Amino acid sequence: MGVLQVHGLHAQGATPVERAAPPRLTVGILSYLFGIALPASGDSIAGTADIGVRRLRTGAVDTLPRDLVGMVPDAVSDAARDLPLSLTHDGSVLRVTLPAVTRPGPQTVRVRYHGRPTDGLTIGTNARRQWTLFADNWPDRVRHFIPTVDHPAYKAPVTWVIDAPGAMGVVANGVLAGVTDLPDARQRWRYVETRPIPT
């Protein structure tokens, strides 16, 4: 059985990585919901990221930057109203334009994307020739397969919704909230982590 393991723990004995200070944002991060469709073969994934944000200022257009390296953004929208939002992507940073608001408040931005991860998510066969996907994204490698502010200082609760071939098992951060059968011998696994954790 293949396994997708998503974790955010620093390996014991590893040397801390020097990094720049976290970026200053004009939009607060409230939560993440990541939906990822895993392949039965090949090395490409399709994903959806619902990013819960809180606008911190009124009367101004905000830019929501997301680290996203090597993946292709398909669409960005205001999830609650299903309204498309403008985006730019230079291959490493996705910038979403958020129209001005009259009062601060929560909003969910949905990013749909696809591509072949080059780091952070390893796809292939293990020593037993089992199809395996393994996420090793600490401390700042999740940007290669998930759009986030990829810095350990930015923590948020996260929900994982992973669609995988039925022969695979899925392990992720949080509590397993259920497994649902899907067409084509696939299953949807849902894990919920209510405590804020690094990406």
C-alpha atoms as a PDB file:
ATOM      1  CA  MET A   1       0.000   0.000   0.000  1.00  0.00           C
ATOM      2  CA  GLY A   2       1.361   3.415  -0.906  1.00  0.00           C
ATOM      3  CA  VAL A   3       1.439   6.213   1.651  1.00  0.00           C
ATOM      4  CA  LEU A   4       1.221   9.988   1.482  1.00  0.00           C
ATOM      5  CA  GLN A   5       2.671  11.389   4.655  1.00  0.00           C
ATOM      6  CA  VAL A   6       2.349  15.113   5.252  1.00  0.00           C
ATOM      7  CA  HIS A   7       4.226  16.469   8.217  1.00  0.00           C
ATOM      8  CA  GLY A   8       5.754  19.632   9.575  1.00  0.00           C
ATOM      9  CA  LEU A   9       8.258  18.371  12.112  1.00  0.00           C
ATOM     10  CA  HIS A  10      11.942  19.286  12.078  1.00  0.00           C
ATOM     11  CA  ALA A  11      14.148  16.222  11.889  1.00  0.00           C
ATOM     12  CA  GLN A  12      15.973  15.594  15.165  1.00  0.00           C
ATOM     13  CA  GLY A  13      19.611  16.551  15.031  1.00  0.00           C
ATOM     14  CA  ALA A  14      19.184  18.601  11.859  1.00  0.00           C
ATOM     15  CA  THR A  15      20.906  21.948  11.696  1.00  0.00           C
ATOM     16  CA  PRO A  16      18.495  24.911  11.815  1.00  0.00           C
ATOM     17  CA  VAL A  17      18.257  26.702   8.492  1.00  0.00           C
ATOM     18  CA  GLU A  18      19.030  30.426   8.396  1.00  0.00           C
ATOM     19  CA  ARG A  19      16.251  32.315   6.655  1.00  0.00           C
ATOM     20  CA  ALA A  20      15.036  35.813   6.110  1.00  0.00           C
ATOM     21  CA  ALA A  21      12.486  37.382   8.433  1.00  0.00           C
ATOM     22  CA  PRO A  22       8.893  36.489   7.584  1.00  0.00           C
ATOM     23  CA  PRO A  23       7.297  38.756   4.982  1.00  0.00           C
ATOM     24  CA  ARG A  24       4.990  41.540   6.178  1.00  0.00           C
ATOM     25  CA  LEU A  25       1.447  40.975   4.968  1.00  0.00           C
ATOM     26  CA  THR A  26      -1.549  43.279   4.774  1.00  0.00           C
ATOM     27  CA  VAL A  27      -3.810  40.211   4.891  1.00  0.00           C
ATOM     28  CA  GLY A  28      -3.974  37.883   7.902  1.00  0.00           C
ATOM     29  CA  ILE A  29      -4.041  34.104   7.406  1.00  0.00           C
ATOM     30  CA  LEU A  30      -6.911  32.347   9.225  1.00  0.00           C
ATOM     31  CA  SER A  31      -6.922  28.807   7.822  1.00  0.00           C
ATOM     32  CA  TYR A  32      -6.016  26.496   4.970  1.00  0.00           C
ATOM     33  CA  LEU A  33      -8.010  23.760   3.238  1.00  0.00           C
ATOM     34  CA  PHE A  34      -5.857  21.864   0.760  1.00  0.00           C
ATOM     35  CA  GLY A  35      -7.427  19.487  -1.731  1.00  0.00           C
ATOM     36  CA  ILE A  36      -4.969  17.356  -3.696  1.00  0.00           C
ATOM     37  CA  ALA A  37      -5.719  14.685  -6.296  1.00  0.00           C
ATOM     38  CA  LEU A  38      -2.924  12.103  -6.312  1.00  0.00           C
ATOM     39  CA  PRO A  39      -2.110  10.129  -9.451  1.00  0.00           C
ATOM     40  CA  ALA A  40      -2.199   6.356  -9.753  1.00  0.00           C
ATOM     41  CA  SER A  41       0.826   6.737 -12.038  1.00  0.00           C
ATOM     42  CA  GLY A  42       2.898   9.574 -13.374  1.00  0.00           C
ATOM     43  CA  ASP A  43       4.151  12.518 -11.365  1.00  0.00           C
ATOM     44  CA  SER A  44       1.578  15.284 -11.819  1.00  0.00           C
ATOM     45  CA  ILE A  45      -1.001  16.418  -9.271  1.00  0.00           C
ATOM     46  CA  ALA A  46      -4.038  18.688  -9.329  1.00  0.00           C
ATOM     47  CA  GLY A  47      -4.812  20.863  -6.334  1.00  0.00           C
ATOM     48  CA  THR A  48      -7.179  23.336  -4.777  1.00  0.00           C
ATOM     49  CA  ALA A  49      -6.195  25.634  -1.922  1.00  0.00           C
ATOM     50  CA  ASP A  50      -8.919  27.428   0.039  1.00  0.00           C
ATOM     51  CA  ILE A  51      -7.093  30.122   1.988  1.00  0.00           C
ATOM     52  CA  GLY A  52      -9.049  31.776   4.778  1.00  0.00           C
ATOM     53  CA  VAL A  53      -7.826  35.346   5.186  1.00  0.00           C
ATOM     54  CA  ARG A  54      -8.778  38.422   7.158  1.00  0.00           C
ATOM     55  CA  ARG A  55      -8.472  41.799   5.489  1.00  0.00           C
ATOM     56  CA  LEU A  56      -6.617  44.110   7.855  1.00  0.00           C
ATOM     57  CA  ARG A  57      -7.337  47.438   6.176  1.00  0.00           C
ATOM     58  CA  THR A  58     -10.177  49.123   4.337  1.00  0.00           C
ATOM     59  CA  GLY A  59     -10.344  51.293   1.240  1.00  0.00           C
ATOM     60  CA  ALA A  60      -7.255  49.772  -0.374  1.00  0.00           C
ATOM     61  CA  VAL A  61      -6.485  47.048  -2.884  1.00  0.00           C
ATOM     62  CA  ASP A  62      -4.458  44.288  -1.235  1.00  0.00           C
ATOM     63  CA  THR A  63      -2.101  41.785  -2.798  1.00  0.00           C
ATOM     64  CA  LEU A  64      -2.107  38.275  -1.396  1.00  0.00           C
ATOM     65  CA  PRO A  65       1.283  36.687  -2.171  1.00  0.00           C
ATOM     66  CA  ARG A  66       1.579  32.885  -2.213  1.00  0.00           C
ATOM     67  CA  ASP A  67       4.811  30.996  -2.748  1.00  0.00           C
ATOM     68  CA  LEU A  68       4.222  28.562  -5.635  1.00  0.00           C
ATOM     69  CA  VAL A  69       7.235  27.226  -7.526  1.00  0.00           C
ATOM     70  CA  GLY A  70       6.959  25.272 -10.763  1.00  0.00           C
ATOM     71  CA  MET A  71       3.209  24.656 -10.578  1.00  0.00           C
ATOM     72  CA  VAL A  72       0.627  26.179 -12.935  1.00  0.00           C
ATOM     73  CA  PRO A  73      -2.201  28.272 -11.464  1.00  0.00           C
ATOM     74  CA  ASP A  74      -5.446  27.609 -13.360  1.00  0.00           C
ATOM     75  CA  ALA A  75      -7.814  30.048 -11.634  1.00  0.00           C
ATOM     76  CA  VAL A  76      -8.193  32.163  -8.500  1.00  0.00           C
ATOM     77  CA  SER A  77     -11.539  33.211  -7.057  1.00  0.00           C
ATOM     78  CA  ASP A  78     -13.391  34.559  -4.052  1.00  0.00           C
ATOM     79  CA  ALA A  79     -14.759  31.187  -2.918  1.00  0.00           C
ATOM     80  CA  ALA A  80     -17.885  32.468  -1.150  1.00  0.00           C
ATOM     81  CA  ARG A  81     -19.124  34.478  -4.127  1.00  0.00           C
ATOM     82  CA  ASP A  82     -17.466  32.416  -6.878  1.00  0.00           C
ATOM     83  CA  LEU A  83     -16.031  35.605  -8.367  1.00  0.00           C
ATOM     84  CA  PRO A  84     -12.779  35.411 -10.330  1.00  0.00           C
ATOM     85  CA  LEU A  85      -9.821  37.374  -8.964  1.00  0.00           C
ATOM     86  CA  SER A  86      -6.854  38.755 -10.886  1.00  0.00           C
ATOM     87  CA  LEU A  87      -3.534  36.994 -10.537  1.00  0.00           C
ATOM     88  CA  THR A  88       0.043  37.165 -11.691  1.00  0.00           C
ATOM     89  CA  HIS A  89       2.568  34.339 -11.421  1.00  0.00           C
ATOM     90  CA  ASP A  90       6.265  34.664 -12.143  1.00  0.00           C
ATOM     91  CA  GLY A  91       7.017  30.957 -11.672  1.00  0.00           C
ATOM     92  CA  SER A  92       7.819  31.293  -7.976  1.00  0.00           C
ATOM     93  CA  VAL A  93       5.310  33.718  -6.433  1.00  0.00           C
ATOM     94  CA  LEU A  94       1.582  33.840  -7.129  1.00  0.00           C
ATOM     95  CA  ARG A  95       0.074  37.262  -6.434  1.00  0.00           C
ATOM     96  CA  VAL A  96      -3.681  37.582  -6.052  1.00  0.00           C
ATOM     97  CA  THR A  97      -5.300  41.019  -6.276  1.00  0.00           C
ATOM     98  CA  LEU A  98      -8.000  41.529  -3.647  1.00  0.00           C
ATOM     99  CA  PRO A  99     -10.369  44.442  -4.372  1.00  0.00           C
ATOM    100  CA  ALA A 100     -10.771  47.150  -1.736  1.00  0.00           C
ATOM    101  CA  VAL A 101     -13.276  46.462   1.060  1.00  0.00           C
ATOM    102  CA  THR A 102     -15.344  48.854   3.158  1.00  0.00           C
ATOM    103  CA  ARG A 103     -14.619  46.996   6.397  1.00  0.00           C
ATOM    104  CA  PRO A 104     -12.098  44.373   7.538  1.00  0.00           C
ATOM    105  CA  GLY A 105     -13.354  40.822   7.688  1.00  0.00           C
ATOM    106  CA  PRO A 106     -12.844  37.192   6.684  1.00  0.00           C
ATOM    107  CA  GLN A 107     -12.661  36.020   3.092  1.00  0.00           C
ATOM    108  CA  THR A 108     -11.774  32.717   1.426  1.00  0.00           C
ATOM    109  CA  VAL A 109      -9.532  32.800  -1.626  1.00  0.00           C
ATOM    110  CA  ARG A 110      -9.585  29.650  -3.780  1.00  0.00           C
ATOM    111  CA  VAL A 111      -6.595  28.730  -5.938  1.00  0.00           C
ATOM    112  CA  ARG A 112      -6.897  25.912  -8.469  1.00  0.00           C
ATOM    113  CA  TYR A 113      -3.602  24.653  -9.888  1.00  0.00           C
ATOM    114  CA  HIS A 114      -1.785  21.653 -11.337  1.00  0.00           C
ATOM    115  CA  GLY A 115       1.692  20.485 -12.223  1.00  0.00           C
ATOM    116  CA  ARG A 116       4.623  18.245 -11.444  1.00  0.00           C
ATOM    117  CA  PRO A 117       6.291  18.935  -8.076  1.00  0.00           C
ATOM    118  CA  THR A 118      10.076  19.149  -8.299  1.00  0.00           C
ATOM    119  CA  ASP A 119      10.621  19.255  -4.522  1.00  0.00           C
ATOM    120  CA  GLY A 120       8.668  18.928  -1.281  1.00  0.00           C
ATOM    121  CA  LEU A 121       6.521  16.035  -2.590  1.00  0.00           C
ATOM    122  CA  THR A 122       8.365  12.924  -3.754  1.00  0.00           C
ATOM    123  CA  ILE A 123       6.427  10.702  -6.166  1.00  0.00           C
ATOM    124  CA  GLY A 124       7.609   7.248  -7.248  1.00  0.00           C
ATOM    125  CA  THR A 125       8.110   3.675  -6.091  1.00  0.00           C
ATOM    126  CA  ASN A 126       9.650   2.700  -2.768  1.00  0.00           C
ATOM    127  CA  ALA A 127      12.105  -0.121  -2.040  1.00  0.00           C
ATOM    128  CA  ARG A 128       9.217  -2.620  -2.153  1.00  0.00           C
ATOM    129  CA  ARG A 129       8.132  -1.312  -5.569  1.00  0.00           C
ATOM    130  CA  GLN A 130       4.974   0.231  -4.102  1.00  0.00           C
ATOM    131  CA  TRP A 131       3.635   3.491  -5.545  1.00  0.00           C
ATOM    132  CA  THR A 132       4.364   6.125  -2.900  1.00  0.00           C
ATOM    133  CA  LEU A 133       4.008   9.861  -2.421  1.00  0.00           C
ATOM    134  CA  PHE A 134       5.852  11.421   0.500  1.00  0.00           C
ATOM    135  CA  ALA A 135       5.709  15.059   1.578  1.00  0.00           C
ATOM    136  CA  ASP A 136       8.936  16.373   3.112  1.00  0.00           C
ATOM    137  CA  ASN A 137       8.309  20.101   3.084  1.00  0.00           C
ATOM    138  CA  TRP A 138      10.068  21.406   6.218  1.00  0.00           C
ATOM    139  CA  PRO A 139      11.070  24.161   6.634  1.00  0.00           C
ATOM    140  CA  ASP A 140      10.175  25.953   3.386  1.00  0.00           C
ATOM    141  CA  ARG A 141       9.712  23.427   0.585  1.00  0.00           C
ATOM    142  CA  VAL A 142       5.907  23.191   0.508  1.00  0.00           C
ATOM    143  CA  ARG A 143       5.959  25.972  -2.124  1.00  0.00           C
ATOM    144  CA  HIS A 144       6.785  23.295  -4.713  1.00  0.00           C
ATOM    145  CA  PHE A 145       3.320  21.726  -4.503  1.00  0.00           C
ATOM    146  CA  ILE A 146       1.014  23.952  -2.397  1.00  0.00           C
ATOM    147  CA  PRO A 147       0.431  27.740  -2.606  1.00  0.00           C
ATOM    148  CA  THR A 148       1.172  29.215   0.852  1.00  0.00           C
ATOM    149  CA  VAL A 149       3.260  31.807   2.631  1.00  0.00           C
ATOM    150  CA  ASP A 150       6.059  29.263   2.957  1.00  0.00           C
ATOM    151  CA  HIS A 151       7.683  30.426   6.185  1.00  0.00           C
ATOM    152  CA  PRO A 152       7.504  28.605   9.550  1.00  0.00           C
ATOM    153  CA  ALA A 153       6.369  31.809  11.287  1.00  0.00           C
ATOM    154  CA  TYR A 154       3.014  31.751   9.466  1.00  0.00           C
ATOM    155  CA  LYS A 155       0.917  29.131  11.239  1.00  0.00           C
ATOM    156  CA  ALA A 156      -2.730  28.285  10.648  1.00  0.00           C
ATOM    157  CA  PRO A 157      -5.195  25.432  11.173  1.00  0.00           C
ATOM    158  CA  VAL A 158      -5.303  23.118   8.169  1.00  0.00           C
ATOM    159  CA  THR A 159      -7.693  20.625   6.611  1.00  0.00           C
ATOM    160  CA  TRP A 160      -6.418  18.078   4.093  1.00  0.00           C
ATOM    161  CA  VAL A 161      -8.770  16.559   1.498  1.00  0.00           C
ATOM    162  CA  ILE A 162      -6.742  13.981  -0.415  1.00  0.00           C
ATOM    163  CA  ASP A 163      -8.166  12.044  -3.371  1.00  0.00           C
ATOM    164  CA  ALA A 164      -6.071   8.931  -3.873  1.00  0.00           C
ATOM    165  CA  PRO A 165      -6.212   5.563  -5.613  1.00  0.00           C
ATOM    166  CA  GLY A 166      -8.165   3.092  -3.458  1.00  0.00           C
ATOM    167  CA  ALA A 167      -5.128   0.846  -2.986  1.00  0.00           C
ATOM    168  CA  MET A 168      -3.292   3.630  -1.155  1.00  0.00           C
ATOM    169  CA  GLY A 169      -3.447   4.708   2.470  1.00  0.00           C
ATOM    170  CA  VAL A 170      -3.120   8.371   3.390  1.00  0.00           C
ATOM    171  CA  VAL A 171      -1.518   9.793   6.540  1.00  0.00           C
ATOM    172  CA  ALA A 172      -1.524  13.522   7.273  1.00  0.00           C
ATOM    173  CA  ASN A 173      -1.453  16.080  10.094  1.00  0.00           C
ATOM    174  CA  GLY A 174      -4.570  16.228  12.238  1.00  0.00           C
ATOM    175  CA  VAL A 175      -7.401  13.861  13.053  1.00  0.00           C
ATOM    176  CA  LEU A 176      -8.835  11.557  10.396  1.00  0.00           C
ATOM    177  CA  ALA A 177     -12.351  12.909   9.821  1.00  0.00           C
ATOM    178  CA  GLY A 178     -13.423  10.280   7.314  1.00  0.00           C
ATOM    179  CA  VAL A 179     -12.752   8.279   4.166  1.00  0.00           C
ATOM    180  CA  THR A 180     -15.252   8.370   1.297  1.00  0.00           C
ATOM    181  CA  ASP A 181     -15.396   6.055  -1.718  1.00  0.00           C
ATOM    182  CA  LEU A 182     -15.215   7.803  -5.094  1.00  0.00           C
ATOM    183  CA  PRO A 183     -15.759   6.595  -8.671  1.00  0.00           C
ATOM    184  CA  ASP A 184     -12.932   4.872 -10.545  1.00  0.00           C
ATOM    185  CA  ALA A 185     -11.740   2.927  -7.464  1.00  0.00           C
ATOM    186  CA  ARG A 186     -10.543   6.050  -5.678  1.00  0.00           C
ATOM    187  CA  GLN A 187     -11.041   7.306  -2.121  1.00  0.00           C
ATOM    188  CA  ARG A 188     -11.184  10.748  -0.499  1.00  0.00           C
ATOM    189  CA  TRP A 189      -9.366  11.100   2.835  1.00  0.00           C
ATOM    190  CA  ARG A 190     -10.072  14.077   5.108  1.00  0.00           C
ATOM    191  CA  TYR A 191      -7.792  15.115   7.989  1.00  0.00           C
ATOM    192  CA  VAL A 192      -8.445  18.137  10.219  1.00  0.00           C
ATOM    193  CA  GLU A 193      -5.812  19.913  12.334  1.00  0.00           C
ATOM    194  CA  THR A 194      -7.483  22.593  14.450  1.00  0.00           C
ATOM    195  CA  ARG A 195      -4.294  23.924  16.040  1.00  0.00           C
ATOM    196  CA  PRO A 196      -2.243  26.453  14.068  1.00  0.00           C
ATOM    197  CA  ILE A 197       0.795  24.707  12.581  1.00  0.00           C
ATOM    198  CA  PRO A 198       3.531  25.771  10.132  1.00  0.00           C
ATOM    199  CA  THR A 199       3.042  24.858   6.495  1.00  0.00           C
END
